[in-house]
């Protein structure tokens, strides 16, 4: 990991990156609005984005699925210096 330099921060580079990676920006990209992908069934690219509403996962996942995903994320973060909180 390489931190941003003072010059990067002075010109707003971290904020620019956060903006470019936002759900709003990603949903607005033409490549994510058209086309489809998938080996056996073609999923429209637009189907990869939900509303981005906090807590909406309960409409798409069972509690067991959420526990399994939490365990996977916690395992992947282990030793990274990042902490897992739910």
PDB file of N, CA and C in Angstrom:
ATOM      1  N   UNK A   1       0.842  -1.171   0.000  1.00  0.00           N
ATOM      2  CA  UNK A   1       0.000   0.000   0.000  1.00  0.00           C
ATOM      3  C   UNK A   1       0.890   1.237   0.000  1.00  0.00           C
ATOM      4  N   UNK A   2       0.563   2.176  -0.841  1.00  0.00           N
ATOM      5  CA  UNK A   2       1.301   3.427  -0.929  1.00  0.00           C
ATOM      6  C   UNK A   2       0.338   4.568  -0.613  1.00  0.00           C
ATOM      7  N   UNK A   3       0.636   5.368   0.408  1.00  0.00           N
ATOM      8  CA  UNK A   3      -0.277   6.459   0.752  1.00  0.00           C
ATOM      9  C   UNK A   3      -0.219   7.585  -0.280  1.00  0.00           C
ATOM     10  N   UNK A   4      -1.249   8.424  -0.278  1.00  0.00           N
ATOM     11  CA  UNK A   4      -1.242   9.599  -1.143  1.00  0.00           C
ATOM     12  C   UNK A   4      -0.192  10.577  -0.648  1.00  0.00           C
ATOM     13  N   UNK A   5       0.433  11.255  -1.577  1.00  0.00           N
ATOM     14  CA  UNK A   5       1.404  12.287  -1.200  1.00  0.00           C
ATOM     15  C   UNK A   5       0.656  13.564  -0.820  1.00  0.00           C
ATOM     16  N   UNK A   6       1.372  14.483  -0.191  1.00  0.00           N
ATOM     17  CA  UNK A   6       0.770  15.770   0.158  1.00  0.00           C
ATOM     18  C   UNK A   6       0.306  16.496  -1.099  1.00  0.00           C
ATOM     19  N   UNK A   7       1.066  16.369  -2.192  1.00  0.00           N
ATOM     20  CA  UNK A   7       0.687  17.007  -3.459  1.00  0.00           C
ATOM     21  C   UNK A   7      -0.602  16.402  -4.006  1.00  0.00           C
ATOM     22  N   UNK A   8      -0.748  15.062  -3.902  1.00  0.00           N
ATOM     23  CA  UNK A   8      -1.980  14.391  -4.346  1.00  0.00           C
ATOM     24  C   UNK A   8      -3.180  14.919  -3.562  1.00  0.00           C
ATOM     25  N   UNK A   9      -3.009  14.995  -2.251  1.00  0.00           N
ATOM     26  CA  UNK A   9      -4.101  15.461  -1.408  1.00  0.00           C
ATOM     27  C   UNK A   9      -4.414  16.931  -1.665  1.00  0.00           C
ATOM     28  N   UNK A  10      -3.401  17.731  -1.943  1.00  0.00           N
ATOM     29  CA  UNK A  10      -3.598  19.162  -2.185  1.00  0.00           C
ATOM     30  C   UNK A  10      -4.453  19.413  -3.428  1.00  0.00           C
ATOM     31  N   UNK A  11      -4.322  18.562  -4.440  1.00  0.00           N
ATOM     32  CA  UNK A  11      -5.108  18.749  -5.664  1.00  0.00           C
ATOM     33  C   UNK A  11      -6.428  17.971  -5.637  1.00  0.00           C
ATOM     34  N   UNK A  12      -6.695  17.297  -4.505  1.00  0.00           N
ATOM     35  CA  UNK A  12      -7.981  16.606  -4.354  1.00  0.00           C
ATOM     36  C   UNK A  12      -8.056  15.244  -4.991  1.00  0.00           C
ATOM     37  N   UNK A  13      -6.924  14.601  -5.244  1.00  0.00           N
ATOM     38  CA  UNK A  13      -6.925  13.291  -5.892  1.00  0.00           C
ATOM     39  C   UNK A  13      -7.724  12.234  -5.124  1.00  0.00           C
ATOM     40  N   UNK A  14      -7.571  12.115  -3.796  1.00  0.00           N
ATOM     41  CA  UNK A  14      -8.379  11.102  -3.083  1.00  0.00           C
ATOM     42  C   UNK A  14      -9.886  11.317  -3.268  1.00  0.00           C
ATOM     43  N   UNK A  15     -10.345  12.547  -3.199  1.00  0.00           N
ATOM     44  CA  UNK A  15     -11.772  12.831  -3.382  1.00  0.00           C
ATOM     45  C   UNK A  15     -12.215  12.502  -4.804  1.00  0.00           C
ATOM     46  N   UNK A  16     -11.358  12.780  -5.787  1.00  0.00           N
ATOM     47  CA  UNK A  16     -11.685  12.446  -7.174  1.00  0.00           C
ATOM     48  C   UNK A  16     -11.860  10.935  -7.351  1.00  0.00           C
ATOM     49  N   UNK A  17     -10.982  10.172  -6.715  1.00  0.00           N
ATOM     50  CA  UNK A  17     -11.059   8.709  -6.820  1.00  0.00           C
ATOM     51  C   UNK A  17     -12.331   8.196  -6.152  1.00  0.00           C
ATOM     52  N   UNK A  18     -12.654   8.731  -4.987  1.00  0.00           N
ATOM     53  CA  UNK A  18     -13.892   8.338  -4.300  1.00  0.00           C
ATOM     54  C   UNK A  18     -15.098   8.631  -5.192  1.00  0.00           C
ATOM     55  N   UNK A  19     -15.109   9.789  -5.841  1.00  0.00           N
ATOM     56  CA  UNK A  19     -16.210  10.154  -6.730  1.00  0.00           C
ATOM     57  C   UNK A  19     -16.294   9.194  -7.916  1.00  0.00           C
ATOM     58  N   UNK A  20     -15.159   8.873  -8.524  1.00  0.00           N
ATOM     59  CA  UNK A  20     -15.156   7.970  -9.676  1.00  0.00           C
ATOM     60  C   UNK A  20     -15.624   6.560  -9.319  1.00  0.00           C
ATOM     61  N   UNK A  21     -15.418   6.158  -8.072  1.00  0.00           N
ATOM     62  CA  UNK A  21     -15.791   4.810  -7.634  1.00  0.00           C
ATOM     63  C   UNK A  21     -17.174   4.754  -6.985  1.00  0.00           C
ATOM     64  N   UNK A  22     -17.882   5.865  -6.958  1.00  0.00           N
ATOM     65  CA  UNK A  22     -19.195   5.899  -6.311  1.00  0.00           C
ATOM     66  C   UNK A  22     -20.215   5.095  -7.115  1.00  0.00           C
ATOM     67  N   UNK A  23     -21.226   4.612  -6.418  1.00  0.00           N
ATOM     68  CA  UNK A  23     -22.302   3.866  -7.073  1.00  0.00           C
ATOM     69  C   UNK A  23     -22.962   4.738  -8.132  1.00  0.00           C
ATOM     70  N   UNK A  24     -23.201   6.006  -7.812  1.00  0.00           N
ATOM     71  CA  UNK A  24     -23.855   6.911  -8.754  1.00  0.00           C
ATOM     72  C   UNK A  24     -23.063   7.009 -10.054  1.00  0.00           C
ATOM     73  N   UNK A  25     -21.743   7.179  -9.940  1.00  0.00           N
ATOM     74  CA  UNK A  25     -20.906   7.281 -11.139  1.00  0.00           C
ATOM     75  C   UNK A  25     -20.872   5.960 -11.893  1.00  0.00           C
ATOM     76  N   UNK A  26     -20.701   4.859 -11.171  1.00  0.00           N
ATOM     77  CA  UNK A  26     -20.610   3.546 -11.819  1.00  0.00           C
ATOM     78  C   UNK A  26     -21.917   3.202 -12.536  1.00  0.00           C
ATOM     79  N   UNK A  27     -23.058   3.502 -11.914  1.00  0.00           N
ATOM     80  CA  UNK A  27     -24.347   3.229 -12.550  1.00  0.00           C
ATOM     81  C   UNK A  27     -24.541   4.077 -13.798  1.00  0.00           C
ATOM     82  N   UNK A  28     -23.952   5.263 -13.817  1.00  0.00           N
ATOM     83  CA  UNK A  28     -24.129   6.175 -14.936  1.00  0.00           C
ATOM     84  C   UNK A  28     -23.270   5.887 -16.148  1.00  0.00           C
ATOM     85  N   UNK A  29     -22.266   5.023 -16.010  1.00  0.00           N
ATOM     86  CA  UNK A  29     -21.392   4.712 -17.137  1.00  0.00           C
ATOM     87  C   UNK A  29     -22.163   3.943 -18.208  1.00  0.00           C
ATOM     88  N   UNK A  30     -22.024   4.349 -19.437  1.00  0.00           N
ATOM     89  CA  UNK A  30     -22.753   3.716 -20.542  1.00  0.00           C
ATOM     90  C   UNK A  30     -22.474   2.214 -20.621  1.00  0.00           C
ATOM     91  N   UNK A  31     -21.246   1.814 -20.353  1.00  0.00           N
ATOM     92  CA  UNK A  31     -20.894   0.397 -20.432  1.00  0.00           C
ATOM     93  C   UNK A  31     -21.696  -0.438 -19.432  1.00  0.00           C
ATOM     94  N   UNK A  32     -22.129   0.176 -18.327  1.00  0.00           N
ATOM     95  CA  UNK A  32     -22.906  -0.539 -17.325  1.00  0.00           C
ATOM     96  C   UNK A  32     -24.408  -0.437 -17.552  1.00  0.00           C
ATOM     97  N   UNK A  33     -24.824   0.293 -18.571  1.00  0.00           N
ATOM     98  CA  UNK A  33     -26.239   0.449 -18.888  1.00  0.00           C
ATOM     99  C   UNK A  33     -26.675  -0.433 -20.049  1.00  0.00           C
ATOM    100  N   UNK A  34     -25.738  -0.817 -20.905  1.00  0.00           N
ATOM    101  CA  UNK A  34     -26.088  -1.576 -22.103  1.00  0.00           C
ATOM    102  C   UNK A  34     -25.319  -2.880 -22.146  1.00  0.00           C
ATOM    103  N   UNK A  35     -25.789  -3.771 -22.950  1.00  0.00           N
ATOM    104  CA  UNK A  35     -25.107  -5.044 -23.138  1.00  0.00           C
ATOM    105  C   UNK A  35     -25.491  -6.067 -22.098  1.00  0.00           C
ATOM    106  N   UNK A  36     -24.914  -7.241 -22.241  1.00  0.00           N
ATOM    107  CA  UNK A  36     -25.180  -8.346 -21.332  1.00  0.00           C
ATOM    108  C   UNK A  36     -23.956  -9.241 -21.303  1.00  0.00           C
ATOM    109  N   UNK A  37     -23.842 -10.008 -20.234  1.00  0.00           N
ATOM    110  CA  UNK A  37     -22.725 -10.946 -20.137  1.00  0.00           C
ATOM    111  C   UNK A  37     -23.185 -12.196 -19.402  1.00  0.00           C
ATOM    112  N   UNK A  38     -22.456 -13.251 -19.587  1.00  0.00           N
ATOM    113  CA  UNK A  38     -22.772 -14.522 -18.958  1.00  0.00           C
ATOM    114  C   UNK A  38     -22.556 -15.649 -19.936  1.00  0.00           C
ATOM    115  N   UNK A  39     -22.130 -16.777 -19.411  1.00  0.00           N
ATOM    116  CA  UNK A  39     -21.816 -17.920 -20.254  1.00  0.00           C
ATOM    117  C   UNK A  39     -23.071 -18.640 -20.750  1.00  0.00           C
ATOM    118  N   UNK A  40     -23.987 -18.963 -19.839  1.00  0.00           N
ATOM    119  CA  UNK A  40     -25.173 -19.737 -20.211  1.00  0.00           C
ATOM    120  C   UNK A  40     -26.425 -18.875 -20.305  1.00  0.00           C
ATOM    121  N   UNK A  41     -26.478 -17.850 -19.498  1.00  0.00           N
ATOM    122  CA  UNK A  41     -27.617 -16.949 -19.511  1.00  0.00           C
ATOM    123  C   UNK A  41     -27.073 -15.533 -19.533  1.00  0.00           C
ATOM    124  N   UNK A  42     -27.561 -14.713 -20.416  1.00  0.00           N
ATOM    125  CA  UNK A  42     -27.082 -13.339 -20.537  1.00  0.00           C
ATOM    126  C   UNK A  42     -27.800 -12.440 -19.540  1.00  0.00           C
ATOM    127  N   UNK A  43     -27.054 -11.937 -18.555  1.00  0.00           N
ATOM    128  CA  UNK A  43     -27.575 -10.990 -17.584  1.00  0.00           C
ATOM    129  C   UNK A  43     -27.320  -9.586 -18.093  1.00  0.00           C
ATOM    130  N   UNK A  44     -28.345  -8.739 -18.108  1.00  0.00           N
ATOM    131  CA  UNK A  44     -28.110  -7.361 -18.539  1.00  0.00           C
ATOM    132  C   UNK A  44     -27.151  -6.668 -17.568  1.00  0.00           C
ATOM    133  N   UNK A  45     -26.238  -5.881 -18.086  1.00  0.00           N
ATOM    134  CA  UNK A  45     -25.264  -5.196 -17.239  1.00  0.00           C
ATOM    135  C   UNK A  45     -25.935  -4.346 -16.168  1.00  0.00           C
ATOM    136  N   UNK A  46     -27.074  -3.753 -16.502  1.00  0.00           N
ATOM    137  CA  UNK A  46     -27.759  -2.901 -15.532  1.00  0.00           C
ATOM    138  C   UNK A  46     -28.243  -3.680 -14.318  1.00  0.00           C
ATOM    139  N   UNK A  47     -28.363  -5.010 -14.420  1.00  0.00           N
ATOM    140  CA  UNK A  47     -28.844  -5.809 -13.296  1.00  0.00           C
ATOM    141  C   UNK A  47     -27.798  -5.976 -12.200  1.00  0.00           C
ATOM    142  N   UNK A  48     -26.561  -5.563 -12.448  1.00  0.00           N
ATOM    143  CA  UNK A  48     -25.506  -5.693 -11.437  1.00  0.00           C
ATOM    144  C   UNK A  48     -25.579  -4.595 -10.380  1.00  0.00           C
ATOM    145  N   UNK A  49     -26.437  -3.614 -10.573  1.00  0.00           N
ATOM    146  CA  UNK A  49     -26.551  -2.512  -9.627  1.00  0.00           C
ATOM    147  C   UNK A  49     -27.935  -2.485  -9.009  1.00  0.00           C
ATOM    148  N   UNK A  50     -27.953  -2.388  -7.680  1.00  0.00           N
ATOM    149  CA  UNK A  50     -29.213  -2.214  -6.975  1.00  0.00           C
ATOM    150  C   UNK A  50     -29.357  -0.748  -6.603  1.00  0.00           C
ATOM    151  N   UNK A  51     -30.334  -0.443  -5.772  1.00  0.00           N
ATOM    152  CA  UNK A  51     -30.594   0.936  -5.382  1.00  0.00           C
ATOM    153  C   UNK A  51     -29.510   1.512  -4.488  1.00  0.00           C
ATOM    154  N   UNK A  52     -28.764   0.675  -3.795  1.00  0.00           N
ATOM    155  CA  UNK A  52     -27.738   1.167  -2.885  1.00  0.00           C
ATOM    156  C   UNK A  52     -28.315   1.677  -1.577  1.00  0.00           C
ATOM    157  N   UNK A  53     -29.454   1.138  -1.177  1.00  0.00           N
ATOM    158  CA  UNK A  53     -30.116   1.552   0.050  1.00  0.00           C
ATOM    159  C   UNK A  53     -29.599   0.701   1.207  1.00  0.00           C
ATOM    160  N   UNK A  54     -29.218   1.360   2.277  1.00  0.00           N
ATOM    161  CA  UNK A  54     -28.727   0.652   3.453  1.00  0.00           C
ATOM    162  C   UNK A  54     -29.789  -0.310   3.965  1.00  0.00           C
ATOM    163  N   UNK A  55     -29.370  -1.550   4.207  1.00  0.00           N
ATOM    164  CA  UNK A  55     -30.273  -2.559   4.744  1.00  0.00           C
ATOM    165  C   UNK A  55     -31.096  -3.299   3.707  1.00  0.00           C
ATOM    166  N   UNK A  56     -30.980  -2.919   2.434  1.00  0.00           N
ATOM    167  CA  UNK A  56     -31.780  -3.555   1.382  1.00  0.00           C
ATOM    168  C   UNK A  56     -31.369  -5.013   1.150  1.00  0.00           C
ATOM    169  N   UNK A  57     -30.233  -5.396   1.700  1.00  0.00           N
ATOM    170  CA  UNK A  57     -29.762  -6.764   1.514  1.00  0.00           C
ATOM    171  C   UNK A  57     -30.790  -7.779   2.012  1.00  0.00           C
ATOM    172  N   UNK A  58     -31.595  -7.404   3.006  1.00  0.00           N
ATOM    173  CA  UNK A  58     -32.580  -8.352   3.548  1.00  0.00           C
ATOM    174  C   UNK A  58     -33.614  -8.751   2.515  1.00  0.00           C
ATOM    175  N   UNK A  59     -33.759  -7.954   1.457  1.00  0.00           N
ATOM    176  CA  UNK A  59     -34.694  -8.289   0.385  1.00  0.00           C
ATOM    177  C   UNK A  59     -34.073  -9.216  -0.653  1.00  0.00           C
ATOM    178  N   UNK A  60     -32.787  -9.493  -0.518  1.00  0.00           N
ATOM    179  CA  UNK A  60     -32.084 -10.285  -1.523  1.00  0.00           C
ATOM    180  C   UNK A  60     -31.314 -11.476  -0.938  1.00  0.00           C
ATOM    181  N   UNK A  61     -31.099 -11.478   0.385  1.00  0.00           N
ATOM    182  CA  UNK A  61     -30.310 -12.534   1.018  1.00  0.00           C
ATOM    183  C   UNK A  61     -31.029 -13.054   2.259  1.00  0.00           C
ATOM    184  N   UNK A  62     -30.827 -14.326   2.543  1.00  0.00           N
ATOM    185  CA  UNK A  62     -31.335 -14.890   3.788  1.00  0.00           C
ATOM    186  C   UNK A  62     -30.333 -14.553   4.894  1.00  0.00           C
ATOM    187  N   UNK A  63     -30.735 -14.637   6.169  1.00  0.00           N
ATOM    188  CA  UNK A  63     -29.784 -14.413   7.256  1.00  0.00           C
ATOM    189  C   UNK A  63     -28.593 -15.376   7.187  1.00  0.00           C
ATOM    190  N   UNK A  64     -28.832 -16.599   6.742  1.00  0.00           N
ATOM    191  CA  UNK A  64     -27.743 -17.574   6.617  1.00  0.00           C
ATOM    192  C   UNK A  64     -26.744 -17.132   5.547  1.00  0.00           C
ATOM    193  N   UNK A  65     -27.250 -16.613   4.443  1.00  0.00           N
ATOM    194  CA  UNK A  65     -26.368 -16.119   3.384  1.00  0.00           C
ATOM    195  C   UNK A  65     -25.536 -14.945   3.900  1.00  0.00           C
ATOM    196  N   UNK A  66     -26.158 -14.064   4.672  1.00  0.00           N
ATOM    197  CA  UNK A  66     -25.454 -12.910   5.228  1.00  0.00           C
ATOM    198  C   UNK A  66     -24.364 -13.352   6.196  1.00  0.00           C
ATOM    199  N   UNK A  67     -24.657 -14.344   7.040  1.00  0.00           N
ATOM    200  CA  UNK A  67     -23.655 -14.862   7.971  1.00  0.00           C
ATOM    201  C   UNK A  67     -22.482 -15.475   7.221  1.00  0.00           C
ATOM    202  N   UNK A  68     -22.776 -16.205   6.161  1.00  0.00           N
ATOM    203  CA  UNK A  68     -21.710 -16.817   5.362  1.00  0.00           C
ATOM    204  C   UNK A  68     -20.841 -15.743   4.708  1.00  0.00           C
ATOM    205  N   UNK A  69     -21.472 -14.710   4.145  1.00  0.00           N
ATOM    206  CA  UNK A  69     -20.727 -13.624   3.520  1.00  0.00           C
ATOM    207  C   UNK A  69     -19.887 -12.880   4.557  1.00  0.00           C
ATOM    208  N   UNK A  70     -20.451 -12.618   5.742  1.00  0.00           N
ATOM    209  CA  UNK A  70     -19.699 -11.969   6.815  1.00  0.00           C
ATOM    210  C   UNK A  70     -18.455 -12.777   7.187  1.00  0.00           C
ATOM    211  N   UNK A  71     -18.607 -14.098   7.271  1.00  0.00           N
ATOM    212  CA  UNK A  71     -17.474 -14.965   7.616  1.00  0.00           C
ATOM    213  C   UNK A  71     -16.397 -14.909   6.540  1.00  0.00           C
ATOM    214  N   UNK A  72     -16.797 -14.881   5.279  1.00  0.00           N
ATOM    215  CA  UNK A  72     -15.830 -14.811   4.173  1.00  0.00           C
ATOM    216  C   UNK A  72     -15.080 -13.485   4.219  1.00  0.00           C
ATOM    217  N   UNK A  73     -15.801 -12.392   4.406  1.00  0.00           N
ATOM    218  CA  UNK A  73     -15.166 -11.069   4.449  1.00  0.00           C
ATOM    219  C   UNK A  73     -14.216 -10.979   5.634  1.00  0.00           C
ATOM    220  N   UNK A  74     -14.657 -11.447   6.797  1.00  0.00           N
ATOM    221  CA  UNK A  74     -13.805 -11.421   7.988  1.00  0.00           C
ATOM    222  C   UNK A  74     -12.527 -12.231   7.754  1.00  0.00           C
ATOM    223  N   UNK A  75     -12.660 -13.384   7.120  1.00  0.00           N
ATOM    224  CA  UNK A  75     -11.501 -14.222   6.815  1.00  0.00           C
ATOM    225  C   UNK A  75     -10.547 -13.515   5.854  1.00  0.00           C
ATOM    226  N   UNK A  76     -11.089 -12.868   4.830  1.00  0.00           N
ATOM    227  CA  UNK A  76     -10.256 -12.177   3.841  1.00  0.00           C
ATOM    228  C   UNK A  76      -9.559 -10.965   4.440  1.00  0.00           C
ATOM    229  N   UNK A  77     -10.188 -10.312   5.435  1.00  0.00           N
ATOM    230  CA  UNK A  77      -9.584  -9.143   6.065  1.00  0.00           C
ATOM    231  C   UNK A  77      -8.547  -9.509   7.119  1.00  0.00           C
ATOM    232  N   UNK A  78      -8.543 -10.773   7.558  1.00  0.00           N
ATOM    233  CA  UNK A  78      -7.644 -11.194   8.618  1.00  0.00           C
ATOM    234  C   UNK A  78      -6.190 -10.894   8.249  1.00  0.00           C
ATOM    235  N   UNK A  79      -5.510 -10.214   9.146  1.00  0.00           N
ATOM    236  CA  UNK A  79      -4.098  -9.911   8.941  1.00  0.00           C
ATOM    237  C   UNK A  79      -3.845  -8.693   8.072  1.00  0.00           C
ATOM    238  N   UNK A  80      -4.897  -8.044   7.602  1.00  0.00           N
ATOM    239  CA  UNK A  80      -4.722  -6.887   6.709  1.00  0.00           C
ATOM    240  C   UNK A  80      -4.554  -5.579   7.483  1.00  0.00           C
ATOM    241  N   UNK A  81      -4.870  -5.611   8.765  1.00  0.00           N
ATOM    242  CA  UNK A  81      -4.858  -4.379   9.542  1.00  0.00           C
ATOM    243  C   UNK A  81      -6.217  -3.691   9.533  1.00  0.00           C
ATOM    244  N   UNK A  82      -7.134  -4.173   8.681  1.00  0.00           N
ATOM    245  CA  UNK A  82      -8.480  -3.639   8.650  1.00  0.00           C
ATOM    246  C   UNK A  82      -9.350  -4.438   9.604  1.00  0.00           C
ATOM    247  N   UNK A  83     -10.322  -3.798  10.195  1.00  0.00           N
ATOM    248  CA  UNK A  83     -11.188  -4.530  11.122  1.00  0.00           C
ATOM    249  C   UNK A  83     -12.559  -4.725  10.491  1.00  0.00           C
ATOM    250  N   UNK A  84     -13.217  -5.772  10.925  1.00  0.00           N
ATOM    251  CA  UNK A  84     -14.531  -6.124  10.423  1.00  0.00           C
ATOM    252  C   UNK A  84     -15.552  -5.719  11.479  1.00  0.00           C
ATOM    253  N   UNK A  85     -16.552  -4.983  11.047  1.00  0.00           N
ATOM    254  CA  UNK A  85     -17.641  -4.665  11.964  1.00  0.00           C
ATOM    255  C   UNK A  85     -18.951  -4.810  11.201  1.00  0.00           C
ATOM    256  N   UNK A  86     -19.963  -5.294  11.879  1.00  0.00           N
ATOM    257  CA  UNK A  86     -21.250  -5.480  11.222  1.00  0.00           C
ATOM    258  C   UNK A  86     -22.294  -4.620  11.846  1.00  0.00           C
TER     259      UNK A  86
END
